[in-house]
N, C-alpha and C. Protein backbone atom coordinates (compact mmCIF):
# COMPACT_ATOMS: atom_id res chain seq x y z
N MET A 1 -12.23 -31.43 -44.33
CA MET A 1 -10.94 -31.29 -43.48
C MET A 1 -11.37 -31.38 -42.06
N LYS A 2 -12.61 -30.79 -41.64
CA LYS A 2 -12.86 -30.83 -40.24
C LYS A 2 -13.16 -32.25 -39.69
N ILE A 3 -13.74 -33.06 -40.64
CA ILE A 3 -13.97 -34.38 -40.23
C ILE A 3 -12.71 -35.18 -40.04
N ILE A 4 -11.81 -34.99 -40.87
CA ILE A 4 -10.46 -35.72 -40.77
C ILE A 4 -9.78 -35.22 -39.39
N SER A 5 -9.83 -33.90 -39.15
CA SER A 5 -9.26 -33.37 -37.94
C SER A 5 -9.95 -33.98 -36.69
N LEU A 6 -11.25 -34.03 -36.82
CA LEU A 6 -12.04 -34.56 -35.70
C LEU A 6 -11.63 -36.09 -35.38
N ILE A 7 -11.58 -36.84 -36.47
CA ILE A 7 -11.09 -38.22 -36.32
C ILE A 7 -9.80 -38.30 -35.79
N LEU A 8 -8.78 -37.61 -36.25
CA LEU A 8 -7.46 -37.63 -35.73
C LEU A 8 -7.38 -37.28 -34.34
N LEU A 9 -8.07 -36.22 -33.80
CA LEU A 9 -8.15 -35.70 -32.53
C LEU A 9 -8.75 -36.85 -31.57
N SER A 10 -9.78 -37.48 -32.19
CA SER A 10 -10.53 -38.56 -31.28
C SER A 10 -9.53 -39.77 -31.21
N LEU A 11 -8.76 -40.11 -32.23
CA LEU A 11 -7.88 -41.19 -32.16
C LEU A 11 -6.77 -40.86 -31.11
N LEU A 12 -6.36 -39.62 -31.09
CA LEU A 12 -5.41 -39.23 -30.21
C LEU A 12 -5.77 -39.35 -28.73
N LEU A 13 -7.03 -39.06 -28.53
CA LEU A 13 -7.58 -39.25 -27.11
C LEU A 13 -7.68 -40.76 -26.77
N ILE A 14 -8.16 -41.61 -27.72
CA ILE A 14 -8.17 -42.98 -27.57
C ILE A 14 -6.84 -43.58 -27.25
N ALA A 15 -5.83 -43.00 -27.91
CA ALA A 15 -4.37 -43.41 -27.69
C ALA A 15 -3.67 -42.75 -26.58
N TYR A 16 -4.46 -41.97 -25.68
CA TYR A 16 -3.80 -41.30 -24.65
C TYR A 16 -2.85 -42.15 -23.76
N PRO A 17 -3.28 -43.35 -23.34
CA PRO A 17 -2.44 -44.22 -22.53
C PRO A 17 -1.09 -44.54 -23.23
N LEU A 18 -1.09 -44.71 -24.62
CA LEU A 18 0.11 -44.86 -25.34
C LEU A 18 0.94 -43.72 -25.44
N VAL A 19 0.22 -42.60 -25.53
CA VAL A 19 0.95 -41.22 -25.52
C VAL A 19 1.80 -40.96 -24.20
N ILE A 20 1.10 -41.30 -23.07
CA ILE A 20 1.70 -41.31 -21.85
C ILE A 20 2.90 -42.31 -21.69
N TYR A 21 2.56 -43.52 -22.17
CA TYR A 21 3.73 -44.56 -21.95
C TYR A 21 4.98 -44.21 -22.67
N PHE A 22 4.78 -43.81 -24.00
CA PHE A 22 6.00 -43.46 -24.85
C PHE A 22 6.44 -42.09 -24.59
N GLY A 23 5.49 -41.17 -24.39
CA GLY A 23 5.88 -39.82 -24.21
C GLY A 23 6.76 -39.49 -23.04
N LEU A 24 6.50 -40.27 -21.87
CA LEU A 24 7.28 -39.98 -20.75
C LEU A 24 8.78 -40.15 -20.87
N ASP A 25 9.06 -41.01 -21.87
CA ASP A 25 10.58 -41.23 -22.16
C ASP A 25 11.21 -40.10 -22.85
N TYR A 26 10.42 -39.06 -23.35
CA TYR A 26 10.98 -38.01 -24.12
C TYR A 26 10.59 -36.63 -23.62
N PHE A 27 9.52 -36.49 -22.83
CA PHE A 27 8.92 -35.27 -22.55
C PHE A 27 8.56 -35.32 -20.94
N GLU A 28 8.57 -34.09 -20.32
CA GLU A 28 7.95 -33.97 -19.03
C GLU A 28 6.52 -34.22 -19.24
N VAL A 29 5.89 -34.74 -18.28
CA VAL A 29 4.45 -34.98 -18.43
C VAL A 29 3.66 -33.69 -18.49
N ARG A 30 4.21 -32.55 -17.99
CA ARG A 30 3.36 -31.28 -18.26
C ARG A 30 3.15 -30.92 -19.75
N TYR A 31 4.01 -31.39 -20.64
CA TYR A 31 3.78 -31.27 -22.03
C TYR A 31 2.75 -32.06 -22.59
N ILE A 32 2.66 -33.31 -21.97
CA ILE A 32 1.47 -34.13 -22.40
C ILE A 32 0.19 -33.64 -21.98
N GLY A 33 0.22 -33.01 -20.75
CA GLY A 33 -0.97 -32.32 -20.13
C GLY A 33 -1.44 -31.14 -21.06
N LEU A 34 -0.47 -30.48 -21.54
CA LEU A 34 -0.72 -29.28 -22.40
C LEU A 34 -1.23 -29.84 -23.81
N LEU A 35 -0.76 -31.04 -24.22
CA LEU A 35 -1.31 -31.56 -25.49
C LEU A 35 -2.78 -31.93 -25.24
N LEU A 36 -3.01 -32.56 -24.04
CA LEU A 36 -4.38 -32.92 -23.59
C LEU A 36 -5.32 -31.79 -23.69
N VAL A 37 -4.96 -30.68 -23.21
CA VAL A 37 -5.65 -29.39 -23.24
C VAL A 37 -5.99 -28.93 -24.59
N LEU A 38 -4.92 -28.99 -25.37
CA LEU A 38 -4.92 -28.55 -26.80
C LEU A 38 -5.99 -29.42 -27.59
N VAL A 39 -5.76 -30.74 -27.51
CA VAL A 39 -6.59 -31.68 -28.29
C VAL A 39 -8.04 -31.65 -27.78
N LEU A 40 -8.28 -31.52 -26.56
CA LEU A 40 -9.74 -31.42 -26.02
C LEU A 40 -10.31 -30.09 -26.50
N THR A 41 -9.47 -29.02 -26.41
CA THR A 41 -10.05 -27.64 -26.89
C THR A 41 -10.41 -27.73 -28.37
N LEU A 42 -9.56 -28.19 -29.30
CA LEU A 42 -9.76 -28.30 -30.65
C LEU A 42 -10.85 -29.15 -30.90
N ARG A 43 -10.98 -30.30 -30.29
CA ARG A 43 -12.13 -31.18 -30.55
C ARG A 43 -13.54 -30.64 -30.10
N PHE A 44 -13.40 -29.80 -29.07
CA PHE A 44 -14.60 -29.12 -28.61
C PHE A 44 -15.17 -28.15 -29.65
N PHE A 45 -14.25 -27.41 -30.17
CA PHE A 45 -14.63 -26.34 -31.20
C PHE A 45 -15.04 -27.06 -32.56
N LEU A 46 -14.56 -28.17 -32.87
CA LEU A 46 -15.02 -28.84 -34.06
C LEU A 46 -16.19 -29.56 -33.84
N LEU A 47 -16.59 -29.95 -32.52
CA LEU A 47 -17.83 -30.63 -32.34
C LEU A 47 -19.02 -29.72 -32.00
N LYS A 48 -18.76 -28.60 -31.43
CA LYS A 48 -19.77 -27.80 -30.79
C LYS A 48 -21.15 -27.43 -31.68
N ASN A 49 -20.81 -27.27 -32.98
CA ASN A 49 -21.93 -26.97 -33.95
C ASN A 49 -22.51 -28.25 -34.52
N LYS A 50 -21.88 -29.40 -34.24
CA LYS A 50 -22.38 -30.58 -34.81
C LYS A 50 -23.32 -31.34 -33.82
N ILE A 51 -23.33 -30.96 -32.61
CA ILE A 51 -24.08 -31.59 -31.53
C ILE A 51 -25.25 -30.79 -31.19
N PRO A 52 -26.46 -31.59 -31.12
CA PRO A 52 -27.75 -30.80 -30.83
C PRO A 52 -27.68 -30.08 -29.37
N ASN A 53 -28.40 -29.01 -29.31
CA ASN A 53 -28.37 -28.25 -28.09
C ASN A 53 -28.50 -28.92 -26.87
N GLU A 54 -29.45 -29.98 -26.76
CA GLU A 54 -29.74 -30.72 -25.57
C GLU A 54 -28.53 -31.51 -25.21
N LYS A 55 -27.58 -31.82 -26.08
CA LYS A 55 -26.43 -32.77 -25.70
C LYS A 55 -25.18 -31.78 -25.64
N ARG A 56 -25.20 -30.60 -26.01
CA ARG A 56 -24.03 -29.73 -25.84
C ARG A 56 -23.63 -29.37 -24.48
N ASN A 57 -24.54 -29.51 -23.52
CA ASN A 57 -24.20 -29.27 -22.06
C ASN A 57 -23.29 -30.36 -21.64
N LEU A 58 -23.61 -31.69 -22.15
CA LEU A 58 -22.72 -32.83 -21.85
C LEU A 58 -21.34 -32.64 -22.34
N LEU A 59 -21.28 -32.23 -23.65
CA LEU A 59 -19.92 -31.91 -24.24
C LEU A 59 -19.18 -30.85 -23.46
N ASN A 60 -19.88 -29.81 -22.99
CA ASN A 60 -19.19 -28.75 -22.39
C ASN A 60 -18.67 -29.35 -21.00
N LYS A 61 -19.43 -30.12 -20.32
CA LYS A 61 -18.96 -30.64 -18.91
C LYS A 61 -17.79 -31.54 -19.15
N THR A 62 -17.83 -32.52 -19.98
CA THR A 62 -16.91 -33.49 -20.13
C THR A 62 -15.56 -32.92 -20.61
N THR A 63 -15.77 -31.93 -21.66
CA THR A 63 -14.45 -31.26 -22.08
C THR A 63 -13.90 -30.40 -21.00
N LEU A 64 -14.69 -29.70 -20.23
CA LEU A 64 -14.19 -28.86 -19.14
C LEU A 64 -13.42 -29.68 -18.14
N ALA A 65 -13.98 -30.87 -17.77
CA ALA A 65 -13.30 -31.62 -16.75
C ALA A 65 -11.96 -32.17 -17.36
N GLY A 66 -11.86 -32.61 -18.54
CA GLY A 66 -10.71 -33.06 -19.21
C GLY A 66 -9.64 -31.94 -19.27
N ILE A 67 -10.06 -30.73 -19.62
CA ILE A 67 -9.24 -29.57 -19.70
C ILE A 67 -8.62 -29.24 -18.37
N LEU A 68 -9.50 -29.24 -17.35
CA LEU A 68 -9.10 -29.01 -15.95
C LEU A 68 -8.04 -29.93 -15.55
N LEU A 69 -8.20 -31.26 -15.82
CA LEU A 69 -7.28 -32.30 -15.38
C LEU A 69 -5.99 -31.92 -16.21
N GLY A 70 -6.06 -31.61 -17.42
CA GLY A 70 -4.84 -31.26 -18.31
C GLY A 70 -4.07 -30.15 -17.66
N PHE A 71 -4.74 -29.14 -17.11
CA PHE A 71 -4.11 -27.95 -16.52
C PHE A 71 -3.46 -28.40 -15.12
N ILE A 72 -4.09 -29.30 -14.37
CA ILE A 72 -3.59 -29.81 -13.19
C ILE A 72 -2.21 -30.61 -13.46
N ILE A 73 -2.27 -31.36 -14.57
CA ILE A 73 -1.13 -31.99 -15.01
C ILE A 73 0.02 -31.11 -15.31
N VAL A 74 -0.32 -29.97 -15.96
CA VAL A 74 0.74 -29.07 -16.31
C VAL A 74 1.33 -28.35 -15.18
N ILE A 75 0.41 -28.04 -14.24
CA ILE A 75 0.81 -27.34 -13.05
C ILE A 75 1.77 -28.15 -12.10
N PHE A 76 1.28 -29.39 -11.81
CA PHE A 76 1.96 -30.24 -10.90
C PHE A 76 3.09 -31.16 -11.54
N ASN A 77 2.93 -31.39 -12.89
CA ASN A 77 3.91 -32.08 -13.61
C ASN A 77 4.32 -33.58 -13.00
N GLN A 78 3.15 -34.25 -12.52
CA GLN A 78 3.27 -35.53 -11.91
C GLN A 78 2.67 -36.62 -12.75
N PRO A 79 3.37 -37.56 -13.21
CA PRO A 79 2.84 -38.68 -14.06
C PRO A 79 1.65 -39.31 -13.58
N LEU A 80 1.52 -39.41 -12.20
CA LEU A 80 0.39 -40.17 -11.58
C LEU A 80 -0.87 -39.42 -11.80
N ILE A 81 -0.76 -38.07 -11.76
CA ILE A 81 -2.02 -37.28 -12.09
C ILE A 81 -2.50 -37.56 -13.67
N ALA A 82 -1.55 -37.72 -14.46
CA ALA A 82 -1.96 -37.99 -15.82
C ALA A 82 -2.62 -39.23 -16.03
N GLN A 83 -2.17 -40.26 -15.17
CA GLN A 83 -2.83 -41.56 -15.27
C GLN A 83 -4.23 -41.55 -14.77
N PHE A 84 -4.71 -40.48 -14.28
CA PHE A 84 -6.14 -40.54 -13.75
C PHE A 84 -7.13 -39.97 -14.84
N TYR A 85 -6.63 -39.68 -16.11
CA TYR A 85 -7.64 -39.28 -17.12
C TYR A 85 -8.58 -40.41 -17.47
N PRO A 86 -8.20 -41.65 -17.59
CA PRO A 86 -9.16 -42.70 -17.87
C PRO A 86 -10.17 -42.87 -16.65
N VAL A 87 -9.70 -42.69 -15.50
CA VAL A 87 -10.53 -42.84 -14.27
C VAL A 87 -11.64 -41.68 -14.37
N LEU A 88 -11.20 -40.48 -14.62
CA LEU A 88 -12.15 -39.32 -14.88
C LEU A 88 -13.17 -39.57 -15.91
N MET A 89 -12.75 -40.19 -17.03
CA MET A 89 -13.64 -40.42 -18.13
C MET A 89 -14.66 -41.49 -17.62
N SER A 90 -14.25 -42.60 -16.96
CA SER A 90 -15.21 -43.53 -16.53
C SER A 90 -16.08 -42.94 -15.43
N LEU A 91 -15.64 -42.01 -14.62
CA LEU A 91 -16.49 -41.35 -13.59
C LEU A 91 -17.51 -40.49 -14.26
N ILE A 92 -17.14 -39.72 -15.25
CA ILE A 92 -18.11 -38.82 -15.93
C ILE A 92 -19.18 -39.74 -16.72
N ALA A 93 -18.67 -40.77 -17.39
CA ALA A 93 -19.56 -41.61 -18.09
C ALA A 93 -20.61 -42.27 -17.16
N PHE A 94 -20.11 -42.62 -16.05
CA PHE A 94 -21.03 -43.16 -14.91
C PHE A 94 -22.05 -42.17 -14.48
N ILE A 95 -21.58 -40.99 -14.17
CA ILE A 95 -22.48 -39.96 -13.77
C ILE A 95 -23.56 -39.71 -14.79
N ILE A 96 -23.19 -39.66 -16.04
CA ILE A 96 -24.05 -39.33 -17.12
C ILE A 96 -25.14 -40.34 -17.16
N PHE A 97 -24.76 -41.63 -17.27
CA PHE A 97 -25.63 -42.86 -17.40
C PHE A 97 -26.56 -42.89 -16.23
N ALA A 98 -25.93 -42.72 -15.03
CA ALA A 98 -26.80 -42.94 -13.74
C ALA A 98 -27.74 -41.72 -13.69
N TYR A 99 -27.35 -40.56 -13.97
CA TYR A 99 -28.20 -39.37 -13.96
C TYR A 99 -29.50 -39.72 -14.89
N SER A 100 -29.14 -40.29 -16.01
CA SER A 100 -30.34 -40.52 -17.00
C SER A 100 -31.32 -41.59 -16.38
N LEU A 101 -30.82 -42.46 -15.51
CA LEU A 101 -31.72 -43.37 -14.86
C LEU A 101 -32.72 -42.66 -14.13
N PHE A 102 -32.39 -41.72 -13.46
CA PHE A 102 -33.27 -40.84 -12.47
C PHE A 102 -33.97 -39.72 -13.24
N ASN A 103 -33.56 -39.40 -14.36
CA ASN A 103 -34.06 -38.29 -15.14
C ASN A 103 -34.27 -38.81 -16.54
N PRO A 104 -35.22 -39.73 -16.83
CA PRO A 104 -35.45 -40.26 -18.17
C PRO A 104 -35.65 -39.20 -19.29
N PRO A 105 -35.44 -39.53 -20.53
CA PRO A 105 -35.09 -40.96 -20.89
C PRO A 105 -33.61 -41.17 -20.59
N THR A 106 -33.32 -42.48 -20.53
CA THR A 106 -31.99 -42.89 -20.38
C THR A 106 -31.11 -42.68 -21.58
N ILE A 107 -29.74 -42.66 -21.39
CA ILE A 107 -28.92 -42.42 -22.46
C ILE A 107 -29.11 -43.50 -23.58
N ILE A 108 -29.27 -44.80 -23.08
CA ILE A 108 -29.43 -45.89 -24.09
C ILE A 108 -30.73 -45.73 -24.81
N GLU A 109 -31.78 -45.24 -24.10
CA GLU A 109 -33.05 -45.09 -24.82
C GLU A 109 -32.96 -43.97 -25.88
N LEU A 110 -32.22 -42.94 -25.61
CA LEU A 110 -32.00 -41.91 -26.65
C LEU A 110 -31.31 -42.48 -27.88
N PHE A 111 -30.31 -43.36 -27.64
CA PHE A 111 -29.74 -44.02 -28.72
C PHE A 111 -30.67 -44.85 -29.53
N ALA A 112 -31.57 -45.66 -28.73
CA ALA A 112 -32.42 -46.64 -29.35
C ALA A 112 -33.48 -45.84 -30.23
N ARG A 113 -33.92 -44.63 -29.69
CA ARG A 113 -34.91 -43.87 -30.42
C ARG A 113 -34.36 -43.42 -31.75
N ILE A 114 -33.05 -43.28 -32.01
CA ILE A 114 -32.58 -42.83 -33.22
C ILE A 114 -33.01 -43.85 -34.30
N GLN A 115 -32.89 -45.19 -34.02
CA GLN A 115 -33.27 -46.23 -34.94
C GLN A 115 -34.81 -46.45 -34.89
N GLN A 116 -35.36 -46.35 -33.70
CA GLN A 116 -36.77 -46.65 -33.55
C GLN A 116 -37.42 -45.54 -32.64
N PRO A 117 -37.89 -44.51 -33.44
CA PRO A 117 -38.49 -43.40 -32.65
C PRO A 117 -39.77 -43.71 -31.80
N ASP A 118 -40.59 -44.75 -32.25
CA ASP A 118 -41.67 -45.24 -31.43
C ASP A 118 -41.40 -46.39 -30.67
N LEU A 119 -40.41 -46.24 -29.83
CA LEU A 119 -39.97 -47.31 -28.92
C LEU A 119 -41.07 -47.69 -27.99
N PRO A 120 -41.48 -49.01 -28.02
CA PRO A 120 -42.51 -49.57 -27.05
C PRO A 120 -42.11 -49.55 -25.55
N GLU A 121 -42.99 -49.72 -24.68
CA GLU A 121 -42.69 -49.72 -23.22
C GLU A 121 -41.68 -50.75 -23.00
N SER A 122 -41.83 -52.05 -23.53
CA SER A 122 -40.89 -53.07 -23.28
C SER A 122 -39.48 -52.64 -23.73
N GLY A 123 -39.36 -51.88 -24.83
CA GLY A 123 -38.07 -51.36 -25.23
C GLY A 123 -37.40 -50.37 -24.25
N ILE A 124 -38.39 -49.59 -23.72
CA ILE A 124 -37.87 -48.51 -22.72
C ILE A 124 -37.37 -49.27 -21.58
N GLN A 125 -38.01 -50.35 -21.03
CA GLN A 125 -37.57 -51.10 -19.94
C GLN A 125 -36.25 -51.74 -20.17
N TYR A 126 -36.12 -52.32 -21.49
CA TYR A 126 -34.95 -52.98 -21.90
C TYR A 126 -33.69 -51.94 -21.81
N THR A 127 -33.94 -50.74 -22.38
CA THR A 127 -32.92 -49.71 -22.45
C THR A 127 -32.49 -49.32 -21.04
N ARG A 128 -33.42 -49.35 -20.13
CA ARG A 128 -33.13 -49.11 -18.70
C ARG A 128 -32.19 -49.96 -18.12
N LYS A 129 -32.43 -51.36 -18.46
CA LYS A 129 -31.54 -52.43 -17.85
C LYS A 129 -30.08 -52.31 -18.58
N VAL A 130 -30.06 -52.03 -19.82
CA VAL A 130 -28.82 -51.79 -20.52
C VAL A 130 -28.06 -50.61 -19.88
N THR A 131 -28.72 -49.55 -19.56
CA THR A 131 -28.11 -48.45 -18.91
C THR A 131 -27.57 -48.70 -17.62
N ILE A 132 -28.30 -49.60 -16.80
CA ILE A 132 -27.68 -50.10 -15.57
C ILE A 132 -26.48 -50.88 -15.76
N ALA A 133 -26.51 -51.78 -16.81
CA ALA A 133 -25.27 -52.54 -17.04
C ALA A 133 -24.09 -51.68 -17.42
N TRP A 134 -24.31 -50.62 -18.17
CA TRP A 134 -23.21 -49.76 -18.52
C TRP A 134 -22.75 -48.98 -17.25
N CYS A 135 -23.65 -48.61 -16.43
CA CYS A 135 -23.25 -48.07 -15.09
C CYS A 135 -22.30 -48.92 -14.41
N LEU A 136 -22.68 -50.20 -14.27
CA LEU A 136 -21.87 -51.17 -13.52
C LEU A 136 -20.45 -51.34 -14.27
N PHE A 137 -20.56 -51.34 -15.58
CA PHE A 137 -19.18 -51.36 -16.34
C PHE A 137 -18.35 -50.19 -15.91
N PHE A 138 -18.87 -48.99 -15.87
CA PHE A 138 -18.09 -47.84 -15.69
C PHE A 138 -17.57 -47.73 -14.28
N ILE A 139 -18.22 -48.37 -13.30
CA ILE A 139 -17.75 -48.43 -11.94
C ILE A 139 -16.66 -49.43 -11.88
N ILE A 140 -16.74 -50.55 -12.57
CA ILE A 140 -15.70 -51.56 -12.47
C ILE A 140 -14.50 -51.04 -13.27
N ASN A 141 -14.82 -50.52 -14.41
CA ASN A 141 -13.52 -49.99 -15.23
C ASN A 141 -12.90 -48.90 -14.54
N GLY A 142 -13.60 -47.94 -13.87
CA GLY A 142 -13.00 -46.89 -13.20
C GLY A 142 -12.16 -47.38 -12.06
N SER A 143 -12.68 -48.36 -11.31
CA SER A 143 -12.08 -48.96 -10.20
C SER A 143 -10.68 -49.60 -10.70
N ILE A 144 -10.81 -50.39 -11.66
CA ILE A 144 -9.53 -51.05 -12.15
C ILE A 144 -8.50 -49.96 -12.78
N ALA A 145 -9.12 -48.94 -13.43
CA ALA A 145 -8.18 -47.95 -13.97
C ALA A 145 -7.47 -47.17 -12.74
N THR A 146 -8.23 -46.98 -11.65
CA THR A 146 -7.72 -46.37 -10.43
C THR A 146 -6.59 -47.29 -9.89
N TYR A 147 -6.88 -48.53 -9.78
CA TYR A 147 -5.91 -49.49 -9.24
C TYR A 147 -4.68 -49.43 -10.04
N THR A 148 -4.73 -49.49 -11.52
CA THR A 148 -3.52 -49.53 -12.33
C THR A 148 -2.82 -48.32 -12.14
N ALA A 149 -3.49 -47.13 -11.95
CA ALA A 149 -2.70 -45.93 -11.76
C ALA A 149 -1.96 -45.85 -10.46
N LEU A 150 -2.56 -46.34 -9.32
CA LEU A 150 -1.95 -46.36 -8.06
C LEU A 150 -0.90 -47.49 -7.94
N SER A 151 -0.95 -48.43 -8.81
CA SER A 151 -0.02 -49.56 -8.70
C SER A 151 1.43 -49.17 -8.91
N GLY A 152 1.74 -48.08 -9.59
CA GLY A 152 3.04 -47.68 -9.95
C GLY A 152 3.66 -48.44 -11.19
N ASP A 153 2.87 -49.29 -11.82
CA ASP A 153 3.37 -50.01 -12.94
C ASP A 153 2.82 -49.37 -14.25
N LEU A 154 3.55 -48.62 -14.86
CA LEU A 154 3.14 -47.89 -16.06
C LEU A 154 2.74 -48.85 -17.17
N ALA A 155 3.45 -50.00 -17.28
CA ALA A 155 3.06 -50.88 -18.38
C ALA A 155 1.76 -51.54 -18.08
N LEU A 156 1.55 -51.85 -16.86
CA LEU A 156 0.16 -52.43 -16.57
C LEU A 156 -0.91 -51.39 -16.65
N TRP A 157 -0.74 -50.12 -16.32
CA TRP A 157 -1.67 -49.04 -16.60
C TRP A 157 -1.99 -48.94 -18.15
N THR A 158 -0.88 -48.88 -18.91
CA THR A 158 -1.07 -48.76 -20.32
C THR A 158 -1.79 -49.90 -20.92
N LEU A 159 -1.41 -51.16 -20.48
CA LEU A 159 -2.07 -52.29 -21.07
C LEU A 159 -3.56 -52.30 -20.71
N TYR A 160 -3.98 -51.96 -19.57
CA TYR A 160 -5.34 -51.98 -19.18
C TYR A 160 -6.05 -50.92 -19.87
N ASN A 161 -5.60 -49.62 -19.71
CA ASN A 161 -6.27 -48.41 -20.18
C ASN A 161 -6.09 -48.17 -21.67
N GLY A 162 -5.13 -48.76 -22.26
CA GLY A 162 -4.96 -48.55 -23.79
C GLY A 162 -5.45 -49.74 -24.55
N LEU A 163 -5.74 -50.79 -23.99
CA LEU A 163 -6.17 -52.01 -24.72
C LEU A 163 -7.31 -52.79 -23.98
N ILE A 164 -7.05 -53.24 -22.84
CA ILE A 164 -8.03 -54.16 -22.22
C ILE A 164 -9.34 -53.47 -22.02
N SER A 165 -9.38 -52.29 -21.51
CA SER A 165 -10.71 -51.63 -21.23
C SER A 165 -11.43 -51.39 -22.57
N TYR A 166 -10.75 -51.09 -23.61
CA TYR A 166 -11.42 -50.89 -24.86
C TYR A 166 -11.98 -52.42 -25.29
N LEU A 167 -11.18 -53.33 -25.23
CA LEU A 167 -11.75 -54.64 -25.52
C LEU A 167 -12.94 -55.04 -24.78
N LEU A 168 -12.96 -54.74 -23.45
CA LEU A 168 -14.02 -54.94 -22.60
C LEU A 168 -15.25 -54.20 -22.91
N MET A 169 -15.12 -52.95 -23.35
CA MET A 169 -16.15 -52.11 -23.73
C MET A 169 -16.78 -52.73 -25.05
N GLY A 170 -15.93 -53.04 -25.95
CA GLY A 170 -16.39 -53.79 -27.15
C GLY A 170 -17.10 -54.96 -26.95
N LEU A 171 -16.61 -55.87 -25.95
CA LEU A 171 -17.27 -57.04 -25.61
C LEU A 171 -18.67 -56.76 -25.00
N LEU A 172 -18.69 -55.83 -24.06
CA LEU A 172 -20.00 -55.53 -23.55
C LEU A 172 -21.03 -55.01 -24.67
N PHE A 173 -20.59 -54.25 -25.57
CA PHE A 173 -21.33 -53.66 -26.58
C PHE A 173 -21.94 -54.92 -27.51
N GLY A 174 -20.84 -55.90 -27.79
CA GLY A 174 -21.21 -56.95 -28.66
C GLY A 174 -22.18 -57.88 -28.13
N ILE A 175 -22.09 -58.16 -26.73
CA ILE A 175 -23.00 -59.05 -26.03
C ILE A 175 -24.36 -58.37 -25.98
N GLU A 176 -24.41 -57.01 -25.55
CA GLU A 176 -25.73 -56.45 -25.57
C GLU A 176 -26.37 -56.38 -26.94
N PHE A 177 -25.63 -56.22 -28.11
CA PHE A 177 -26.15 -56.16 -29.46
C PHE A 177 -26.80 -57.59 -29.72
N LEU A 178 -26.19 -58.73 -29.28
CA LEU A 178 -26.59 -60.01 -29.56
C LEU A 178 -27.90 -60.19 -28.64
N ILE A 179 -27.88 -59.79 -27.49
CA ILE A 179 -29.14 -59.89 -26.63
C ILE A 179 -30.25 -59.05 -27.23
N ARG A 180 -29.91 -57.94 -27.72
CA ARG A 180 -30.88 -57.10 -28.25
C ARG A 180 -31.70 -57.79 -29.48
N ILE A 181 -30.88 -58.39 -30.30
CA ILE A 181 -31.44 -59.18 -31.37
C ILE A 181 -32.37 -60.22 -30.93
N TYR A 182 -31.94 -60.92 -29.92
CA TYR A 182 -32.69 -62.00 -29.34
C TYR A 182 -34.10 -61.46 -28.69
N VAL A 183 -33.87 -60.43 -28.00
CA VAL A 183 -35.05 -59.71 -27.24
C VAL A 183 -36.11 -59.30 -28.29
N LYS A 184 -35.54 -58.78 -29.42
CA LYS A 184 -36.45 -58.20 -30.50
C LYS A 184 -37.14 -59.32 -31.13
N LYS A 185 -36.54 -60.43 -31.40
CA LYS A 185 -37.19 -61.60 -31.99
C LYS A 185 -38.22 -62.18 -31.01
N GLN A 186 -37.91 -62.24 -29.69
CA GLN A 186 -38.90 -62.77 -28.74
C GLN A 186 -40.06 -61.82 -28.71
N HIS A 187 -39.87 -60.53 -28.74
CA HIS A 187 -40.93 -59.52 -28.65
C HIS A 187 -41.86 -59.73 -29.98
N ALA A 188 -41.15 -59.88 -31.05
CA ALA A 188 -41.93 -59.99 -32.36
C ALA A 188 -42.81 -61.19 -32.39
N LYS A 189 -42.43 -62.27 -31.66
CA LYS A 189 -43.21 -63.48 -31.68
C LYS A 189 -44.48 -63.27 -30.77
N THR A 190 -44.40 -62.44 -29.82
CA THR A 190 -45.60 -62.18 -28.88
C THR A 190 -46.45 -61.01 -29.27
């Protein structure tokens, strides 16, 4: 039951732009902010024992930032504030990935070591470049999310933050996956 609840809560967070787009026709934005606080809080309690201690600090900070934004939405009841949730998530992701560049191992190296614990130096350098690529993505994505929020066009904001940004993220992941296969083949030859 916990897994199903966690999946549903995560899907609700992914669908956040759609919740805003359709929810504003029926509810004041403060109720959507309250929903955000509730979803993030429930997800936090469902995840906290499933995440290793070294990554729990990350969960705490990202959840706290989202809950804080949710309370700001509740207090000020302004749709524009609610539209900054994707911006906040891109900013947090950028900070985490950038921080890992200066305090190795990088986030991508940690993921790579799950599959290959004895990652060679060439793999570490590769994961560093991938981490930089993700940092650039989060800067660009956050900038576009900011633009769409400030544009005043809710449909544009929803389209970008509820669809296009996910497609771009998937595209970057797919391209990186293909490059990784190629790099591994090249490394195996030498």
